[in-house]
Every structure is written in C-alpha cells, then in structure tokens.
Amino acid sequence: MSETAKVLTLDGPGGAGKGTISRLVAERLGWHLLDSGALYRLTALAAMRHGVALDDEAALERVAAGLDVVFVAEAESTRVLLEGDDVSREIRTEQVGDAASQVAALNGVRQALLQRQRDFRQAPGLVADGRDMGTVVFPDAELKVFLTASPEERARRRHLQLQEAGVDASLSSLLKEIQARDARDMQRSVAPLKPADDAITLDTTSLSIPEVVERLTEWLAQRGLVPET
C-alpha cells in the first residue's frame, strides 16, 4: 500500500451517481477504483448464501474477514466474482442492497473490511466510492466530495436502470426503499452517512454525468492533484 497515493473520496446516498462517476473519473485519470459498497453487498450476499442471519454480528464479521472476492476490471464495468461465481448483477439487486445496509450498520463488519479497503490505496491515485470514505476510511484524502440528489431523482434513476435491465419495479416502492435506506444509513451509530467536515457537497439532481465528471476533474486540477486539461 502507498500511503502517499492521492485519494479522491466520493460519499453519498444510493442513487446519487457515485458508482458511474467514480468509474469514469478513475478511467480518465488512470487511477485505481474502490467500490466500497460492493464489499458490503458481497458480505451480505455471502451471508445469505451460507445461511448466516443478518443480525449475527460475530458470524457476519467472520464472513467479511474471509470473503473470497475477485474484481475483474473490464472496458465499461467491473466484473465481481464471489467464491468463483460471477455475481456482478446479483449484488446490485434491491434485496442485496437492503441486506447490505443492515450489515453495514454492524461495527464488527466495518472493522473487518476497513484494512481491505485501505489496501486499495495505490499510486498514482485512488477514487474511493462509498458512504464513509472521507470520514472513516480515508480521513486524510486530498479531495472529499459528498454527492447527493433528491430522493425522487434517485428513485427515478434506479427505476430507469432496472427498466433497462428488463426488471419490472414500482417507482413508488423504490422511493420508499431509498428513503428507508437513507434513514438507516444516517441514523446508524457506527460511521453514519454524512459529509466529512472538509468535504464539498455536490447536488447532482440537475447535472448530467459528464458535467459532474468535469467538475470533479477541475477541482482535482485546482488542487494540483492532476494536470490541467
């Protein structure tokens, strides 16, 4: 691990665009990428597959510590293997997302995954996407951004994603799930969802993906972290 590698943290609620934005910024800069949410989703999925209760903290901590996970970078996405099985699509389902939110509230699980996340910090730099990247995992990051959007816009985006994937979903149900997950993430006692004190908050409700990527790149350049474009 390189402690001196530059880090951009992108925190925020689900549906704010963190995943897509993080991948595009990392690709543009040639930096490494950490999708921390995937680790919690993988922990939840592994627990579900092995019959571990989502409130059994000791057992879940063991699951998190022993995750057999491989991330395979591809042209436009990252393929995720759990115990040799491609679960790239399965970990993005609403069921796994809700389970991950429950698992992420447990301190034992968060501690088990902390060092694994920090090990992604490699030169020339890292784009870290999650909910506590700037507050807990990389508190010394050179640039911290908190991406947000209205719950209605985030539900609309998720609904569109599911439609494109051929999955039927209710927009009103998605909105309720997002609001419930937001409340759970913000109110948990361990690493609650909130901007770091030195983070810049960026509301993406009315911004396009290219606009957000451009703004982040400009902020990095202003801090001398990447060359001016």
Protein backbone atom coordinates (compact mmCIF):
# COMPACT_ATOMS: atom_id res chain seq x y z
CA MET A 1 0.00 0.00 0.00
CA SER A 2 1.19 3.52 -0.78
CA GLU A 3 0.29 5.93 1.99
CA THR A 4 1.28 8.85 -0.28
CA ALA A 5 -1.01 7.90 -3.18
CA LYS A 6 -3.57 10.61 -3.84
CA VAL A 7 -7.18 9.91 -2.90
CA LEU A 8 -10.49 11.34 -4.08
CA THR A 9 -13.40 10.21 -1.90
CA LEU A 10 -16.95 10.23 -3.22
CA ASP A 11 -19.50 9.66 -0.48
CA GLY A 12 -23.26 9.98 -0.57
CA PRO A 13 -26.56 8.11 -0.59
CA GLY A 14 -27.50 5.42 -3.07
CA GLY A 15 -28.58 6.70 -6.47
CA ALA A 16 -26.54 9.91 -6.34
CA GLY A 17 -24.36 8.64 -9.19
CA LYS A 18 -21.28 7.68 -7.18
CA GLY A 19 -20.64 4.39 -8.95
CA THR A 20 -20.79 5.67 -12.50
CA ILE A 21 -18.99 8.92 -11.68
CA SER A 22 -16.22 7.14 -9.75
CA ARG A 23 -15.55 4.71 -12.59
CA LEU A 24 -15.43 7.46 -15.21
CA VAL A 25 -13.14 9.70 -13.15
CA ALA A 26 -10.79 6.80 -12.36
CA GLU A 27 -10.73 5.81 -16.03
CA ARG A 28 -9.98 9.38 -17.15
CA LEU A 29 -7.15 9.80 -14.66
CA GLY A 30 -5.73 6.28 -14.82
CA TRP A 31 -6.33 5.90 -11.07
CA HIS A 32 -7.42 2.84 -9.12
CA LEU A 33 -11.07 2.43 -8.09
CA LEU A 34 -12.65 1.25 -4.85
CA ASP A 35 -16.36 0.44 -4.82
CA SER A 36 -16.70 0.01 -1.06
CA GLY A 37 -20.42 -0.62 -1.32
CA ALA A 38 -19.66 -3.76 -3.32
CA LEU A 39 -17.74 -5.18 -0.36
CA TYR A 40 -20.76 -4.75 1.93
CA ARG A 41 -23.09 -6.15 -0.73
CA LEU A 42 -20.76 -9.12 -1.14
CA THR A 43 -20.69 -9.68 2.61
CA ALA A 44 -24.48 -9.61 2.70
CA LEU A 45 -24.78 -11.95 -0.28
CA ALA A 46 -22.22 -14.38 1.13
CA ALA A 47 -24.12 -14.41 4.43
CA MET A 48 -27.42 -15.06 2.67
CA ARG A 49 -25.90 -17.90 0.64
CA HIS A 50 -24.40 -19.53 3.73
CA GLY A 51 -27.46 -19.12 5.91
CA VAL A 52 -25.96 -16.52 8.25
CA ALA A 53 -28.51 -14.27 9.95
CA LEU A 54 -28.15 -10.57 9.15
CA ASP A 55 -28.15 -9.67 12.85
CA ASP A 56 -25.49 -12.20 13.90
CA GLU A 57 -22.59 -9.77 14.21
CA ALA A 58 -19.93 -12.32 15.19
CA ALA A 59 -20.76 -14.63 12.28
CA LEU A 60 -21.01 -11.73 9.83
CA GLU A 61 -17.61 -10.45 10.95
CA ARG A 62 -16.13 -13.85 10.06
CA VAL A 63 -17.87 -13.76 6.68
CA ALA A 64 -16.46 -10.28 5.97
CA ALA A 65 -12.94 -11.21 7.07
CA GLY A 66 -12.89 -14.31 4.88
CA LEU A 67 -14.55 -13.00 1.71
CA ASP A 68 -13.30 -14.86 -1.38
CA VAL A 69 -13.66 -11.97 -3.82
CA VAL A 70 -12.03 -11.04 -7.11
CA PHE A 71 -12.66 -7.77 -9.01
CA VAL A 72 -12.01 -8.03 -12.76
CA ALA A 73 -11.66 -4.64 -14.50
CA GLU A 74 -13.24 -4.59 -17.95
CA ALA A 75 -13.79 -1.90 -20.59
CA GLU A 76 -17.02 -0.37 -19.26
CA SER A 77 -17.58 -2.13 -15.96
CA THR A 78 -16.04 -4.26 -13.24
CA ARG A 79 -16.87 -7.96 -13.06
CA VAL A 80 -17.23 -9.25 -9.50
CA LEU A 81 -16.57 -12.87 -8.56
CA LEU A 82 -17.66 -14.31 -5.20
CA GLU A 83 -16.21 -17.75 -4.47
CA GLY A 84 -15.58 -18.06 -8.22
CA ASP A 85 -19.17 -17.19 -9.15
CA ASP A 86 -19.91 -14.06 -11.24
CA VAL A 87 -22.29 -12.05 -9.03
CA SER A 88 -21.90 -8.68 -10.79
CA ARG A 89 -25.65 -8.39 -11.40
CA GLU A 90 -26.87 -10.17 -8.27
CA ILE A 91 -25.14 -7.79 -5.85
CA ARG A 92 -26.97 -4.86 -7.47
CA THR A 93 -30.47 -6.15 -6.68
CA GLU A 94 -32.66 -4.28 -4.20
CA GLN A 95 -32.77 -7.34 -1.91
CA VAL A 96 -28.99 -7.46 -1.58
CA GLY A 97 -28.80 -3.67 -1.27
CA ASP A 98 -31.21 -3.67 1.66
CA ALA A 99 -29.31 -6.53 3.31
CA ALA A 100 -26.02 -4.68 2.79
CA SER A 101 -27.43 -1.62 4.53
CA GLN A 102 -28.26 -3.77 7.57
CA VAL A 103 -24.85 -5.46 7.55
CA ALA A 104 -23.03 -2.13 7.18
CA ALA A 105 -24.51 -0.90 10.46
CA LEU A 106 -22.52 -3.52 12.41
CA ASN A 107 -19.19 -2.35 13.82
CA GLY A 108 -17.59 -5.80 13.61
CA VAL A 109 -18.24 -5.99 9.87
CA ARG A 110 -16.94 -2.47 9.27
CA GLN A 111 -13.74 -3.20 11.18
CA ALA A 112 -13.21 -6.45 9.27
CA LEU A 113 -13.44 -4.60 5.95
CA LEU A 114 -11.51 -1.44 6.94
CA GLN A 115 -7.98 -2.59 6.11
CA ARG A 116 -9.13 -4.35 2.96
CA GLN A 117 -10.49 -1.01 1.73
CA ARG A 118 -7.34 0.91 2.68
CA ASP A 119 -5.23 -1.57 0.74
CA PHE A 120 -6.77 -0.23 -2.48
CA ARG A 121 -4.70 2.95 -1.98
CA GLN A 122 -2.07 2.57 -4.70
CA ALA A 123 -0.11 5.02 -6.86
CA PRO A 124 -0.82 7.08 -8.84
CA GLY A 125 -4.13 7.57 -7.04
CA LEU A 126 -7.45 6.15 -5.88
CA VAL A 127 -11.08 7.12 -6.41
CA ALA A 128 -12.98 5.72 -3.42
CA ASP A 129 -16.76 5.43 -3.65
CA GLY A 130 -18.89 4.79 -0.58
CA ARG A 131 -20.63 6.24 2.43
CA ASP A 132 -17.78 6.77 4.90
CA MET A 133 -14.73 7.06 2.64
CA GLY A 134 -13.94 10.62 3.67
CA THR A 135 -15.00 10.34 7.30
CA VAL A 136 -13.53 6.96 8.32
CA VAL A 137 -11.57 5.06 5.67
CA PHE A 138 -9.50 7.88 4.14
CA PRO A 139 -9.77 10.86 6.51
CA ASP A 140 -6.57 12.30 5.00
CA ALA A 141 -7.84 12.27 1.40
CA GLU A 142 -6.73 15.24 -0.68
CA LEU A 143 -10.24 15.87 -2.04
CA LYS A 144 -13.50 14.78 -0.45
CA VAL A 145 -16.81 15.18 -2.25
CA PHE A 146 -20.28 14.35 -0.95
CA LEU A 147 -22.57 13.58 -3.91
CA THR A 148 -26.28 13.85 -3.33
CA ALA A 149 -29.56 14.21 -5.23
CA SER A 150 -33.21 14.39 -4.27
CA PRO A 151 -34.80 11.07 -3.24
CA GLU A 152 -37.27 11.43 -6.12
CA GLU A 153 -34.48 11.83 -8.68
CA ARG A 154 -32.53 8.91 -7.22
CA ALA A 155 -35.64 6.71 -7.37
CA ARG A 156 -36.20 7.79 -10.99
CA ARG A 157 -32.62 6.87 -11.91
CA ARG A 158 -32.87 3.49 -10.22
CA HIS A 159 -36.21 2.81 -11.92
CA LEU A 160 -34.65 3.59 -15.30
CA GLN A 161 -31.68 1.29 -14.58
CA LEU A 162 -34.00 -1.57 -13.70
CA GLN A 163 -36.16 -0.99 -16.78
CA GLU A 164 -33.06 -1.07 -18.99
CA ALA A 165 -32.10 -4.36 -17.33
CA GLY A 166 -35.55 -5.77 -18.06
CA VAL A 167 -36.61 -5.73 -14.40
CA ASP A 168 -40.13 -4.62 -13.52
CA ALA A 169 -40.22 -2.30 -10.49
CA SER A 170 -42.59 0.19 -8.89
CA LEU A 171 -41.30 3.77 -8.79
CA SER A 172 -43.22 4.49 -5.59
CA SER A 173 -41.80 1.37 -3.91
CA LEU A 174 -38.28 2.33 -4.96
CA LEU A 175 -38.76 5.79 -3.46
CA LYS A 176 -39.89 4.31 -0.14
CA GLU A 177 -36.92 1.91 -0.11
CA ILE A 178 -34.47 4.74 -0.81
CA GLN A 179 -35.95 6.89 1.95
CA ALA A 180 -35.83 3.99 4.42
CA ARG A 181 -32.22 3.19 3.49
CA ASP A 182 -31.23 6.85 3.82
CA ALA A 183 -32.72 6.99 7.30
CA ARG A 184 -30.99 3.77 8.34
CA ASP A 185 -27.63 4.88 6.96
CA MET A 186 -27.79 8.35 8.50
CA GLN A 187 -29.02 7.21 11.91
CA ARG A 188 -26.72 4.24 12.49
CA SER A 189 -24.38 4.63 15.46
CA VAL A 190 -21.28 3.44 13.56
CA ALA A 191 -19.93 5.57 10.68
CA PRO A 192 -23.25 7.26 9.85
CA LEU A 193 -23.79 8.67 6.37
CA LYS A 194 -22.76 12.33 6.47
CA PRO A 195 -20.33 14.66 4.69
CA ALA A 196 -16.83 14.93 6.12
CA ASP A 197 -16.23 18.31 7.76
CA ASP A 198 -13.90 19.27 4.90
CA ALA A 199 -15.98 17.75 2.08
CA ILE A 200 -17.54 19.65 -0.80
CA THR A 201 -21.23 18.82 -1.24
CA LEU A 202 -22.38 18.49 -4.85
CA ASP A 203 -26.07 18.09 -5.67
CA THR A 204 -26.34 16.10 -8.90
CA THR A 205 -30.14 16.32 -9.25
CA SER A 206 -29.99 18.59 -12.29
CA LEU A 207 -26.47 17.73 -13.51
CA SER A 208 -25.53 15.30 -16.27
CA ILE A 209 -22.88 12.65 -15.72
CA PRO A 210 -20.32 14.43 -17.98
CA GLU A 211 -20.92 17.69 -16.08
CA VAL A 212 -20.18 16.04 -12.74
CA VAL A 213 -17.06 14.29 -14.07
CA GLU A 214 -15.79 17.59 -15.49
CA ARG A 215 -16.40 19.44 -12.23
CA LEU A 216 -14.54 16.84 -10.17
CA THR A 217 -11.62 16.87 -12.60
CA GLU A 218 -11.46 20.66 -12.35
CA TRP A 219 -11.41 20.52 -8.55
CA LEU A 220 -8.58 17.98 -8.63
CA ALA A 221 -6.62 20.19 -11.05
CA GLN A 222 -7.19 23.27 -8.88
CA ARG A 223 -5.55 21.40 -6.00
CA GLY A 224 -2.61 20.37 -8.16
CA LEU A 225 -3.54 16.68 -7.94
CA VAL A 226 -3.84 16.20 -11.72
CA PRO A 227 -2.63 18.22 -14.70
CA GLU A 228 -4.84 21.00 -16.04
CA THR A 229 -6.87 19.90 -19.05
